[in-house]
């Protein structure tokens, strides 16, 4: 019998407890032995909850118990999760986690610590909820050179953008509804400013490149500036706006970014709507494959954590090795990244404004919305961020160009 401990009895922790209790037969069959939760660590009490029988308020109970072979860390955040995780690994206990913040910050170090002590650090649930994307990268497509990882990695923002697109709503109204439904936190900045997606794409690209992609080096934009009018332009050219995490690996170098993109119906990500996630991986031999499913939620995330527990128990003699070195990956400078963008121009004389645009960018096809007589848009040729910024600065100095209202990247 394998005895485990769970650190944290919040949404995911209670989900892990529920999955192991409900699917005990399936879990035992796949782990090749029975799995028993001996401890659940939480500062709170839970009167009347079955977890009372295994509840502890003292981490030392777990670290000092030699019977515990696997620890589930679902506390979230960096402190004390980092210290607890490291001590568990150093004491010969494998750790399974859903903590994307911890994995993005200390993943390589904790993998190295696990290897030194003959155990495993697993983190399937840190990206994509129940989608088996980590396992795919480390176990299933190991013959591939990963050329690109691109995906919708945050269900909250995808839900909001879907509502804005389909119902013609403004950002503020959709955010309020998302908060009322529990999809967005009271302080939604981690989601809407792109930080959550940034950590996730950094984890995926670290695995793909086998080195540390520091999320603090990743250019990150959120959805707070997206408007109802942006959605109208997207519809006019047959596209939808999605917040994407994008990582590319080419001969010239690698780059990673998070930003809103205009996605067309030729892309498999076009139809990913609501709270769902979609992740595309492109290999040099395999081509493009896509993974789709719930990117968050109690049951989906807990199921991914328990799958890691099963792996850790089943492979305790030969722990799974993950290639993610501590050495930092050098990314291409953001200003060198080539992009094509939809650019919205405010001009009281739109015909004269269009001529001004063509004096800088050359011949363009323009997009004009009904009831928007004081603005128009165009799609810029593909060029580096630096080159485009220079041309936009030139454009702002032209007569009949009153303002640049916004830019949104075009997905390739």
Protein backbone atom coordinates (compact mmCIF):
# COMPACT_ATOMS: atom_id res chain seq x y z
CA UNK A 1 0.00 0.00 0.00
CA UNK A 2 1.25 3.49 -0.93
CA UNK A 3 0.54 6.17 1.64
CA UNK A 4 0.36 9.79 0.54
CA UNK A 5 -0.18 13.25 2.01
CA UNK A 6 -2.04 16.22 0.53
CA UNK A 7 -0.86 19.77 1.28
CA UNK A 8 -3.89 22.03 1.08
CA UNK A 9 -7.61 21.27 1.24
CA UNK A 10 -8.95 23.97 -1.02
CA UNK A 11 -10.63 23.45 -4.38
CA UNK A 12 -7.98 21.19 -5.89
CA UNK A 13 -6.99 19.47 -2.64
CA UNK A 14 -10.58 18.47 -1.88
CA UNK A 15 -10.87 17.35 -5.51
CA UNK A 16 -7.84 15.07 -5.12
CA UNK A 17 -9.36 13.57 -1.97
CA UNK A 18 -12.64 13.02 -3.80
CA UNK A 19 -11.05 11.43 -6.89
CA UNK A 20 -8.98 8.97 -4.86
CA UNK A 21 -11.97 8.00 -2.70
CA UNK A 22 -14.48 7.78 -5.57
CA UNK A 23 -12.22 6.03 -8.10
CA UNK A 24 -10.26 3.95 -5.59
CA UNK A 25 -10.61 0.76 -7.63
CA UNK A 26 -9.38 2.37 -10.85
CA UNK A 27 -6.57 4.16 -9.02
CA UNK A 28 -5.42 0.93 -7.34
CA UNK A 29 -5.53 -1.01 -10.60
CA UNK A 30 -3.41 1.54 -12.48
CA UNK A 31 -0.96 2.14 -9.63
CA UNK A 32 -0.56 -1.62 -9.04
CA UNK A 33 -1.28 -1.08 -5.36
CA UNK A 34 -3.78 0.61 -3.10
CA UNK A 35 -3.26 4.33 -2.47
CA UNK A 36 -4.27 5.68 0.92
CA UNK A 37 -4.40 9.32 2.01
CA UNK A 38 -2.77 9.33 5.44
CA UNK A 39 -2.60 13.11 5.97
CA UNK A 40 -4.24 16.25 4.66
CA UNK A 41 -2.47 19.42 5.78
CA UNK A 42 -4.48 22.61 6.27
CA UNK A 43 -4.56 25.40 8.83
CA UNK A 44 -8.35 25.26 8.93
CA UNK A 45 -10.72 22.79 10.56
CA UNK A 46 -13.52 21.12 8.59
CA UNK A 47 -16.22 20.03 11.06
CA UNK A 48 -18.32 17.18 9.73
CA UNK A 49 -16.10 16.59 6.70
CA UNK A 50 -14.66 13.06 6.29
CA UNK A 51 -11.23 14.66 5.93
CA UNK A 52 -11.24 15.25 9.71
CA UNK A 53 -9.97 11.70 10.18
CA UNK A 54 -6.69 12.49 8.38
CA UNK A 55 -6.40 16.24 8.98
CA UNK A 56 -3.22 17.70 10.43
CA UNK A 57 -2.12 21.28 11.04
CA UNK A 58 1.56 20.37 11.37
CA UNK A 59 3.76 19.82 8.30
CA UNK A 60 6.35 18.05 10.47
CA UNK A 61 3.90 15.14 10.90
CA UNK A 62 4.28 14.50 7.17
CA UNK A 63 7.98 15.15 6.70
CA UNK A 64 8.89 12.88 9.63
CA UNK A 65 6.65 9.96 8.60
CA UNK A 66 8.69 7.42 6.66
CA UNK A 67 5.52 5.72 5.41
CA UNK A 68 4.66 8.72 3.20
CA UNK A 69 6.10 8.12 -0.28
CA UNK A 70 4.22 10.75 -2.29
CA UNK A 71 3.12 14.27 -1.34
CA UNK A 72 0.52 16.25 -3.28
CA UNK A 73 1.21 20.01 -3.13
CA UNK A 74 -1.91 21.99 -4.03
CA UNK A 75 -1.41 24.97 -1.73
CA UNK A 76 -0.62 27.44 -4.50
CA UNK A 77 1.80 30.35 -4.38
CA UNK A 78 5.50 30.25 -3.56
CA UNK A 79 5.55 30.36 0.23
CA UNK A 80 5.52 27.99 2.02
CA UNK A 81 4.92 25.69 -0.99
CA UNK A 82 8.55 25.95 -2.18
CA UNK A 83 10.08 25.14 1.20
CA UNK A 84 7.65 22.28 1.84
CA UNK A 85 8.19 20.81 -1.64
CA UNK A 86 11.97 20.95 -1.40
CA UNK A 87 12.02 19.36 2.03
CA UNK A 88 9.75 16.55 0.84
CA UNK A 89 11.99 15.82 -2.15
CA UNK A 90 15.13 15.93 0.01
CA UNK A 91 13.53 13.45 2.41
CA UNK A 92 12.89 10.96 -0.41
CA UNK A 93 9.22 11.71 -1.08
CA UNK A 94 7.98 12.33 -4.63
CA UNK A 95 5.86 15.46 -5.10
CA UNK A 96 2.94 16.01 -7.48
CA UNK A 97 1.58 19.53 -7.92
CA UNK A 98 -0.84 21.81 -9.74
CA UNK A 99 1.07 24.93 -8.66
CA UNK A 100 1.99 26.71 -11.92
CA UNK A 101 3.56 29.64 -10.09
CA UNK A 102 5.97 27.37 -8.25
CA UNK A 103 6.74 25.25 -11.33
CA UNK A 104 7.44 28.31 -13.50
CA UNK A 105 9.72 29.84 -10.85
CA UNK A 106 11.54 26.79 -9.46
CA UNK A 107 10.65 23.84 -11.73
CA UNK A 108 14.16 23.10 -13.01
CA UNK A 109 15.66 23.31 -9.52
CA UNK A 110 13.01 21.02 -8.02
CA UNK A 111 13.41 18.47 -10.83
CA UNK A 112 17.16 18.46 -10.16
CA UNK A 113 16.54 18.05 -6.42
CA UNK A 114 14.18 15.14 -7.07
CA UNK A 115 16.74 13.37 -9.25
CA UNK A 116 19.46 13.77 -6.63
CA UNK A 117 17.26 12.00 -4.08
CA UNK A 118 15.86 9.27 -6.34
CA UNK A 119 12.29 10.56 -6.48
CA UNK A 120 10.08 12.46 -8.93
CA UNK A 121 8.65 15.96 -9.24
CA UNK A 122 5.53 15.86 -11.43
CA UNK A 123 3.33 18.79 -12.47
CA UNK A 124 0.85 17.74 -15.15
CA UNK A 125 -1.94 19.84 -13.63
CA UNK A 126 0.10 23.06 -13.72
CA UNK A 127 -0.83 23.63 -17.39
CA UNK A 128 -4.13 22.90 -19.08
CA UNK A 129 -6.01 21.44 -16.10
CA UNK A 130 -6.97 17.93 -17.17
CA UNK A 131 -5.35 18.12 -20.62
CA UNK A 132 -2.37 15.68 -20.70
CA UNK A 133 0.01 18.18 -22.28
CA UNK A 134 3.02 17.84 -19.93
CA UNK A 135 2.97 14.06 -20.21
CA UNK A 136 2.86 14.39 -23.98
CA UNK A 137 5.97 16.56 -24.06
CA UNK A 138 8.06 14.45 -21.69
CA UNK A 139 6.90 10.97 -22.70
CA UNK A 140 4.97 10.80 -25.98
CA UNK A 141 6.73 12.93 -28.59
CA UNK A 142 10.33 12.48 -27.50
CA UNK A 143 11.55 11.85 -31.06
CA UNK A 144 10.51 15.33 -32.16
CA UNK A 145 12.21 18.68 -32.41
CA UNK A 146 9.49 21.00 -31.17
CA UNK A 147 9.11 23.91 -33.57
CA UNK A 148 6.15 25.65 -31.97
CA UNK A 149 3.77 25.52 -29.04
CA UNK A 150 0.75 27.77 -29.31
CA UNK A 151 -2.39 27.78 -27.27
CA UNK A 152 -5.32 29.23 -25.42
CA UNK A 153 -4.08 28.63 -21.89
CA UNK A 154 -6.48 30.62 -19.73
CA UNK A 155 -10.16 29.71 -19.55
CA UNK A 156 -11.23 32.94 -17.85
CA UNK A 157 -10.01 35.20 -20.64
CA UNK A 158 -11.25 32.83 -23.32
CA UNK A 159 -14.72 32.89 -21.76
CA UNK A 160 -14.66 36.69 -21.66
CA UNK A 161 -13.48 37.09 -25.25
CA UNK A 162 -16.10 34.58 -26.42
CA UNK A 163 -18.86 36.57 -24.69
CA UNK A 164 -17.59 39.84 -26.16
CA UNK A 165 -17.49 38.31 -29.64
CA UNK A 166 -20.83 36.53 -29.62
CA UNK A 167 -22.92 38.99 -27.63
CA UNK A 168 -21.39 42.32 -28.59
CA UNK A 169 -20.50 43.22 -25.00
CA UNK A 170 -17.81 45.55 -23.68
CA UNK A 171 -14.89 44.31 -21.59
CA UNK A 172 -16.12 45.75 -18.28
CA UNK A 173 -19.56 44.14 -18.55
CA UNK A 174 -18.09 40.74 -19.39
CA UNK A 175 -15.57 40.92 -16.54
CA UNK A 176 -18.36 41.65 -14.06
CA UNK A 177 -20.36 38.64 -15.33
CA UNK A 178 -17.28 36.37 -15.19
CA UNK A 179 -16.71 37.39 -11.58
CA UNK A 180 -20.35 36.76 -10.69
CA UNK A 181 -20.14 33.25 -12.18
CA UNK A 182 -16.88 32.49 -10.38
CA UNK A 183 -14.77 32.30 -13.55
CA UNK A 184 -12.79 35.42 -12.60
CA UNK A 185 -11.34 36.34 -9.22
CA UNK A 186 -12.23 39.54 -7.39
CA UNK A 187 -8.72 40.67 -8.39
CA UNK A 188 -8.57 39.26 -11.94
CA UNK A 189 -5.17 40.69 -12.90
CA UNK A 190 -3.36 37.32 -13.12
CA UNK A 191 -5.83 36.22 -15.78
CA UNK A 192 -6.78 39.36 -17.69
CA UNK A 193 -3.26 40.82 -17.80
CA UNK A 194 -1.85 37.55 -19.19
CA UNK A 195 0.35 36.52 -16.25
CA UNK A 196 -1.32 33.11 -15.82
CA UNK A 197 -0.91 32.26 -19.51
CA UNK A 198 2.67 33.55 -19.39
CA UNK A 199 3.67 31.12 -16.65
CA UNK A 200 2.03 28.24 -18.51
CA UNK A 201 3.66 28.86 -21.90
CA UNK A 202 6.99 29.34 -20.08
CA UNK A 203 6.63 25.89 -18.50
CA UNK A 204 5.78 24.27 -21.82
CA UNK A 205 8.64 25.94 -23.68
CA UNK A 206 11.08 25.10 -20.89
CA UNK A 207 10.24 21.44 -21.47
CA UNK A 208 10.42 21.81 -25.25
CA UNK A 209 13.80 23.57 -25.13
CA UNK A 210 15.08 21.55 -22.13
CA UNK A 211 16.20 24.70 -20.33
CA UNK A 212 14.79 27.48 -18.16
CA UNK A 213 12.50 29.88 -20.00
CA UNK A 214 12.16 32.65 -17.43
CA UNK A 215 8.58 33.91 -17.47
CA UNK A 216 9.87 37.32 -16.39
CA UNK A 217 11.60 37.61 -19.80
CA UNK A 218 8.43 36.83 -21.75
CA UNK A 219 6.63 39.74 -23.42
CA UNK A 220 3.12 39.65 -21.97
CA UNK A 221 -0.03 41.53 -22.92
CA UNK A 222 -3.52 40.89 -21.58
CA UNK A 223 -7.03 41.59 -22.81
CA UNK A 224 -7.86 44.71 -20.81
CA UNK A 225 -7.58 46.97 -23.88
CA UNK A 226 -9.79 44.83 -26.14
CA UNK A 227 -13.04 46.58 -27.05
CA UNK A 228 -16.37 45.84 -28.67
CA UNK A 229 -15.14 47.67 -31.78
CA UNK A 230 -12.08 45.41 -31.96
CA UNK A 231 -14.48 42.48 -32.05
CA UNK A 232 -16.39 44.11 -34.92
CA UNK A 233 -13.19 44.45 -36.95
CA UNK A 234 -12.34 40.82 -36.21
CA UNK A 235 -15.76 39.70 -37.46
CA UNK A 236 -15.39 41.87 -40.57
CA UNK A 237 -12.31 39.91 -41.64
CA UNK A 238 -13.67 36.51 -40.53
CA UNK A 239 -11.53 36.13 -37.43
CA UNK A 240 -11.88 35.92 -33.65
CA UNK A 241 -9.68 37.44 -30.95
CA UNK A 242 -7.95 34.94 -28.66
CA UNK A 243 -5.37 35.42 -25.93
CA UNK A 244 -2.55 33.12 -27.03
CA UNK A 245 0.66 31.91 -25.48
CA UNK A 246 3.11 31.38 -28.33
CA UNK A 247 6.56 29.82 -28.32
CA UNK A 248 8.64 29.29 -31.45
CA UNK A 249 11.93 27.50 -31.94
CA UNK A 250 13.74 28.22 -35.21
CA UNK A 251 17.29 28.32 -36.59
CA UNK A 252 17.39 32.03 -35.83
CA UNK A 253 16.54 31.41 -32.18
CA UNK A 254 13.55 31.03 -29.88
CA UNK A 255 10.94 33.46 -28.67
CA UNK A 256 7.98 33.27 -26.32
CA UNK A 257 5.14 35.75 -25.89
CA UNK A 258 1.58 36.17 -24.66
CA UNK A 259 -0.81 38.54 -26.42
CA UNK A 260 -4.24 38.83 -28.06
CA UNK A 261 -4.20 37.48 -31.62
CA UNK A 262 -6.68 37.52 -34.48
CA UNK A 263 -7.32 33.85 -35.30
CA UNK A 264 -8.95 32.67 -38.53
CA UNK A 265 -11.14 29.63 -39.13
CA UNK A 266 -8.22 27.80 -40.75
CA UNK A 267 -6.68 27.52 -37.28
CA UNK A 268 -7.71 24.69 -34.93
CA UNK A 269 -7.80 27.29 -32.13
CA UNK A 270 -10.56 29.27 -33.84
CA UNK A 271 -13.32 27.04 -32.45
CA UNK A 272 -12.01 26.92 -28.86
CA UNK A 273 -14.61 28.92 -26.98
CA UNK A 274 -15.86 29.52 -23.46
CA UNK A 275 -13.79 28.26 -20.54
CA UNK A 276 -12.02 25.62 -22.65
CA UNK A 277 -8.30 25.51 -23.48
CA UNK A 278 -6.68 24.43 -26.73
CA UNK A 279 -2.97 23.75 -27.20
CA UNK A 280 -1.22 23.05 -30.52
CA UNK A 281 2.23 21.46 -30.71
CA UNK A 282 4.18 21.41 -33.98
CA UNK A 283 7.04 18.94 -34.38
CA UNK A 284 9.53 18.78 -37.21
CA UNK A 285 8.32 15.28 -38.23
CA UNK A 286 4.92 14.96 -36.59
CA UNK A 287 3.53 18.25 -37.85
CA UNK A 288 0.75 19.88 -35.84
CA UNK A 289 -1.30 18.14 -33.16
CA UNK A 290 -3.92 19.75 -30.95
CA UNK A 291 -5.10 19.10 -27.39
CA UNK A 292 -8.47 20.39 -26.23
CA UNK A 293 -10.32 20.27 -22.94
CA UNK A 294 -11.17 21.96 -19.68
CA UNK A 295 -8.22 24.03 -18.61
CA UNK A 296 -9.31 24.41 -15.00
CA UNK A 297 -11.92 23.27 -12.52
CA UNK A 298 -11.91 21.08 -9.45
CA UNK A 299 -12.45 17.66 -11.05
CA UNK A 300 -10.33 18.16 -14.18
CA UNK A 301 -7.33 19.53 -12.31
CA UNK A 302 -7.61 16.96 -9.52
CA UNK A 303 -7.78 14.13 -12.05
CA UNK A 304 -4.49 15.31 -13.57
CA UNK A 305 -2.87 15.47 -10.12
CA UNK A 306 -4.02 11.94 -9.26
CA UNK A 307 -2.66 10.66 -12.58
CA UNK A 308 0.73 12.00 -11.51
CA UNK A 309 0.34 10.29 -8.13
CA UNK A 310 -0.29 7.01 -9.93
CA UNK A 311 2.84 7.56 -12.05
CA UNK A 312 4.92 8.32 -8.98
CA UNK A 313 3.70 5.21 -7.15
CA UNK A 314 4.01 2.91 -10.15
CA UNK A 315 7.51 4.14 -11.03
CA UNK A 316 9.00 4.55 -7.56
CA UNK A 317 11.80 2.07 -8.35
CA UNK A 318 12.70 3.88 -11.58
CA UNK A 319 11.45 7.46 -11.19
CA UNK A 320 10.51 9.36 -14.34
CA UNK A 321 13.29 11.65 -15.58
CA UNK A 322 12.37 15.06 -16.95
CA UNK A 323 14.74 17.06 -19.15
CA UNK A 324 14.56 20.63 -17.89
CA UNK A 325 17.97 22.07 -17.07
CA UNK A 326 18.53 25.05 -14.77
CA UNK A 327 20.51 26.91 -17.45
CA UNK A 328 18.54 29.88 -18.75
CA UNK A 329 17.40 29.85 -22.39
CA UNK A 330 18.42 32.97 -24.32
CA UNK A 331 15.36 34.31 -26.12
CA UNK A 332 15.34 36.49 -29.21
CA UNK A 333 14.86 40.18 -28.36
CA UNK A 334 11.18 41.07 -28.52
CA UNK A 335 11.81 43.91 -30.95
CA UNK A 336 13.20 41.42 -33.49
CA UNK A 337 10.09 39.21 -33.53
CA UNK A 338 8.28 39.43 -36.90
CA UNK A 339 4.54 40.12 -36.75
CA UNK A 340 1.65 41.26 -38.89
CA UNK A 341 -0.97 43.39 -37.13
CA UNK A 342 -4.43 44.83 -37.58
CA UNK A 343 -3.99 48.56 -37.01
CA UNK A 344 -6.92 50.86 -36.20
CA UNK A 345 -6.59 54.48 -37.27
CA UNK A 346 -8.65 57.46 -36.13
CA UNK A 347 -9.07 60.10 -38.83
CA UNK A 348 -11.73 62.76 -39.31
CA UNK A 349 -10.96 62.61 -43.05
CA UNK A 350 -10.70 58.88 -43.65
CA UNK A 351 -9.88 59.10 -47.37
CA UNK A 352 -7.00 61.45 -46.69
CA UNK A 353 -5.98 59.26 -43.74
CA UNK A 354 -5.81 56.20 -45.98
CA UNK A 355 -3.50 58.05 -48.36
CA UNK A 356 -1.29 58.93 -45.43
CA UNK A 357 -1.13 55.25 -44.45
CA UNK A 358 -0.13 54.25 -47.98
CA UNK A 359 2.62 56.87 -48.00
CA UNK A 360 4.24 54.90 -45.16
CA UNK A 361 3.17 51.29 -45.73
CA UNK A 362 2.53 51.15 -49.49
CA UNK A 363 -0.70 49.96 -51.11
CA UNK A 364 -3.12 48.60 -48.50
CA UNK A 365 -6.56 47.00 -48.36
CA UNK A 366 -8.61 48.96 -45.84
CA UNK A 367 -11.42 47.83 -43.53
CA UNK A 368 -14.24 50.28 -42.87
CA UNK A 369 -17.02 49.50 -40.38
CA UNK A 370 -20.53 50.84 -40.68
CA UNK A 371 -21.32 53.66 -38.23
CA UNK A 372 -17.59 54.28 -37.66
CA UNK A 373 -17.01 57.15 -40.07
CA UNK A 374 -14.08 58.56 -38.12
CA UNK A 375 -11.86 55.48 -38.24
CA UNK A 376 -10.64 52.60 -40.40
CA UNK A 377 -8.19 49.71 -40.14
CA UNK A 378 -5.62 47.87 -42.23
CA UNK A 379 -3.37 44.82 -41.85
CA UNK A 380 0.32 45.63 -41.88
CA UNK A 381 2.87 43.59 -43.82
CA UNK A 382 4.88 41.16 -41.70
CA UNK A 383 7.87 42.91 -40.16
CA UNK A 384 9.73 43.13 -36.89
CA UNK A 385 8.20 44.85 -33.88
CA UNK A 386 10.92 47.51 -34.10
CA UNK A 387 10.25 48.20 -37.78
CA UNK A 388 6.52 48.44 -37.21
CA UNK A 389 6.92 50.76 -34.23
CA UNK A 390 9.11 53.03 -36.34
CA UNK A 391 6.51 53.18 -39.12
CA UNK A 392 3.69 53.86 -36.66
CA UNK A 393 5.70 56.75 -35.22
CA UNK A 394 6.12 58.14 -38.73
CA UNK A 395 2.40 57.70 -39.34
CA UNK A 396 1.42 59.66 -36.23
CA UNK A 397 3.30 62.66 -37.64
CA UNK A 398 1.28 62.64 -40.87
CA UNK A 399 -1.58 65.03 -41.55
CA UNK A 400 -5.07 63.49 -41.24
CA UNK A 401 -3.87 60.81 -38.80
CA UNK A 402 -5.48 61.80 -35.51
CA UNK A 403 -4.64 58.71 -33.47
CA UNK A 404 -3.66 55.05 -33.56
CA UNK A 405 -6.53 53.42 -31.68
CA UNK A 406 -4.96 49.99 -31.24
CA UNK A 407 -3.07 47.10 -32.77
CA UNK A 408 -3.76 43.37 -32.61
CA UNK A 409 -1.43 40.67 -33.92
CA UNK A 410 -2.47 38.25 -36.67
CA UNK A 411 -1.93 34.55 -35.94
CA UNK A 412 0.15 32.84 -38.61
